Amino acid sequence: MQKEIEILQEYIKSKGLRNTPQREAILRVFLSSERHLSADELHKIVQRKDCSIGYTTVYRTMRLLLECGLCAEIAFADGVQRFEHKCGHEHHDHLICIKCGRFIEAVKPQIEKMQEALAREEGFTITHHKLQIFGFCKNCKK
């Protein structure tokens, strides 16, 4: 977690912003969770540790984490923007149920190889991507 804190501190410094204990506390709570959290969900968890941290501080900190590459923003079938951390996690894609909102993380190297081959064939340079497949989970298709 120290590496991520240093990344955030360097990014904040490069933007001429102040490093605050609140930002570090939000980062620590976020990184300690293995869930895909909305700003509202994260705020509720952060409030249990420090009730002085407001929703706006959480939201703005998550924007900073996005900008410096520590997290990614994802939207599932329910339309809620969520965040997942990127450090220490290999790239993965998502299968998303359009009925219940359940999602399954999928790590499939063969999908990555196909995407890379497609890009090569087209002379395209990939900077990043996300694959989200929408449908019905095994429970909802019954």
Protein backbone atom coordinates (compact mmCIF):
# COMPACT_ATOMS: atom_id res chain seq x y z
CA MET A 1 0.00 0.00 0.00
CA GLN A 2 2.97 2.33 0.55
CA LYS A 3 3.69 2.33 -3.19
CA GLU A 4 0.14 3.51 -3.96
CA ILE A 5 0.34 6.22 -1.28
CA GLU A 6 3.57 7.48 -2.85
CA ILE A 7 1.99 7.48 -6.32
CA LEU A 8 -0.91 9.57 -5.04
CA GLN A 9 1.38 11.94 -3.13
CA GLU A 10 3.57 12.51 -6.20
CA TYR A 11 0.53 13.10 -8.39
CA ILE A 12 -0.99 15.56 -5.92
CA LYS A 13 2.33 17.40 -5.70
CA SER A 14 2.62 17.55 -9.51
CA LYS A 15 -0.83 19.18 -9.66
CA GLY A 16 0.07 21.76 -7.00
CA LEU A 17 -2.50 20.36 -4.58
CA ARG A 18 -2.15 19.73 -0.87
CA ASN A 19 -1.64 16.23 0.46
CA THR A 20 -4.16 15.72 3.26
CA PRO A 21 -4.70 12.98 5.83
CA GLN A 22 -8.26 12.63 4.50
CA ARG A 23 -7.05 11.72 1.01
CA GLU A 24 -4.67 9.14 2.41
CA ALA A 25 -7.41 7.70 4.65
CA ILE A 26 -9.75 7.37 1.65
CA LEU A 27 -7.03 5.66 -0.37
CA ARG A 28 -6.31 3.23 2.48
CA VAL A 29 -9.99 2.31 2.89
CA PHE A 30 -10.42 1.94 -0.87
CA LEU A 31 -7.36 -0.29 -1.27
CA SER A 32 -8.34 -2.46 1.70
CA SER A 33 -11.61 -3.35 -0.01
CA GLU A 34 -11.70 -5.95 -2.76
CA ARG A 35 -15.11 -4.77 -3.93
CA HIS A 36 -16.13 -2.52 -6.80
CA LEU A 37 -17.31 0.52 -4.83
CA SER A 38 -19.36 3.55 -5.78
CA ALA A 39 -18.36 6.89 -4.26
CA ASP A 40 -21.44 6.65 -2.04
CA GLU A 41 -20.54 3.15 -0.79
CA LEU A 42 -16.95 4.20 -0.17
CA HIS A 43 -18.13 7.31 1.68
CA LYS A 44 -20.24 5.18 4.03
CA ILE A 45 -17.24 2.96 4.82
CA VAL A 46 -14.92 5.96 5.27
CA GLN A 47 -17.46 7.62 7.60
CA ARG A 48 -17.16 4.68 10.01
CA LYS A 49 -13.45 5.45 10.38
CA ASP A 50 -13.60 9.25 10.26
CA CYS A 51 -16.99 10.96 10.36
CA SER A 52 -15.43 14.32 9.41
CA ILE A 53 -14.73 13.18 5.81
CA GLY A 54 -17.52 14.33 3.53
CA TYR A 55 -18.90 12.86 0.32
CA THR A 56 -17.34 15.59 -1.82
CA THR A 57 -13.88 14.80 -0.44
CA VAL A 58 -14.37 11.11 -1.24
CA TYR A 59 -15.62 11.88 -4.76
CA ARG A 60 -12.77 14.31 -5.52
CA THR A 61 -10.19 11.89 -4.13
CA MET A 62 -11.53 9.12 -6.35
CA ARG A 63 -11.18 11.44 -9.36
CA LEU A 64 -7.52 11.94 -8.37
CA LEU A 65 -7.04 8.17 -8.06
CA LEU A 66 -8.48 7.79 -11.55
CA GLU A 67 -6.22 10.49 -12.98
CA CYS A 68 -3.05 9.02 -11.47
CA GLY A 69 -3.90 5.47 -12.58
CA LEU A 70 -4.55 3.86 -9.21
CA CYS A 71 -8.12 2.91 -10.08
CA ALA A 72 -10.51 2.44 -12.95
CA GLU A 73 -14.11 3.52 -13.21
CA ILE A 74 -16.68 0.98 -14.34
CA ALA A 75 -20.44 1.02 -14.87
CA PHE A 76 -22.53 -2.11 -14.67
CA ALA A 77 -26.16 -2.70 -15.68
CA ASP A 78 -27.52 -0.60 -12.80
CA GLY A 79 -25.95 2.61 -14.16
CA VAL A 80 -23.95 3.29 -10.98
CA GLN A 81 -20.34 4.34 -11.53
CA ARG A 82 -18.02 2.19 -9.45
CA PHE A 83 -14.29 2.13 -8.86
CA GLU A 84 -11.89 -0.80 -8.73
CA HIS A 85 -8.23 -0.60 -7.86
CA LYS A 86 -5.66 -1.44 -10.48
CA CYS A 87 -2.42 -1.87 -8.52
CA GLY A 88 -1.63 -5.48 -7.80
CA HIS A 89 -4.50 -6.75 -9.94
CA GLU A 90 -4.12 -8.24 -13.36
CA HIS A 91 -6.34 -6.97 -16.13
CA HIS A 92 -9.76 -8.60 -16.23
CA ASP A 93 -13.06 -8.24 -18.02
CA HIS A 94 -16.62 -8.43 -16.71
CA LEU A 95 -19.72 -10.49 -17.41
CA ILE A 96 -22.69 -8.41 -16.20
CA CYS A 97 -26.24 -9.62 -15.56
CA ILE A 98 -28.78 -7.12 -16.88
CA LYS A 99 -31.46 -8.44 -14.54
CA CYS A 100 -29.87 -8.62 -11.07
CA GLY A 101 -26.69 -6.58 -11.67
CA ARG A 102 -24.39 -9.42 -10.59
CA PHE A 103 -21.00 -9.36 -12.27
CA ILE A 104 -18.31 -11.92 -12.78
CA GLU A 105 -14.66 -11.00 -13.24
CA ALA A 106 -13.06 -12.92 -16.07
CA VAL A 107 -9.31 -13.32 -16.57
CA LYS A 108 -8.85 -14.97 -19.95
CA PRO A 109 -5.43 -14.63 -21.59
CA GLN A 110 -6.84 -15.88 -24.89
CA ILE A 111 -9.18 -12.86 -25.08
CA GLU A 112 -6.22 -10.54 -24.53
CA LYS A 113 -4.24 -12.32 -27.28
CA MET A 114 -7.14 -11.98 -29.72
CA GLN A 115 -7.45 -8.25 -28.99
CA GLU A 116 -3.71 -7.75 -29.48
CA ALA A 117 -3.79 -9.69 -32.76
CA LEU A 118 -6.72 -7.63 -34.01
CA ALA A 119 -4.91 -4.40 -33.17
CA ARG A 120 -1.73 -5.61 -34.90
CA GLU A 121 -3.68 -6.58 -38.05
CA GLU A 122 -5.21 -3.11 -38.20
CA GLY A 123 -1.99 -1.25 -37.33
CA PHE A 124 -3.69 -0.01 -34.17
CA THR A 125 -1.90 0.83 -30.93
CA ILE A 126 -3.92 -0.10 -27.84
CA THR A 127 -3.56 2.29 -24.92
CA HIS A 128 -6.22 0.64 -22.74
CA HIS A 129 -9.48 -1.23 -23.04
CA LYS A 130 -12.34 -2.75 -21.13
CA LEU A 131 -14.59 -5.60 -22.14
CA GLN A 132 -18.04 -5.82 -20.62
CA ILE A 133 -20.39 -8.56 -21.75
CA PHE A 134 -24.04 -8.07 -20.82
CA GLY A 135 -26.61 -10.84 -20.50
CA PHE A 136 -28.28 -13.04 -17.90
CA CYS A 137 -26.47 -14.87 -15.10
CA LYS A 138 -27.25 -18.52 -14.45
CA ASN A 139 -29.72 -17.62 -11.67
CA CYS A 140 -31.69 -15.07 -13.70
CA LYS A 141 -32.00 -17.08 -16.89
CA LYS A 142 -34.04 -19.78 -15.10
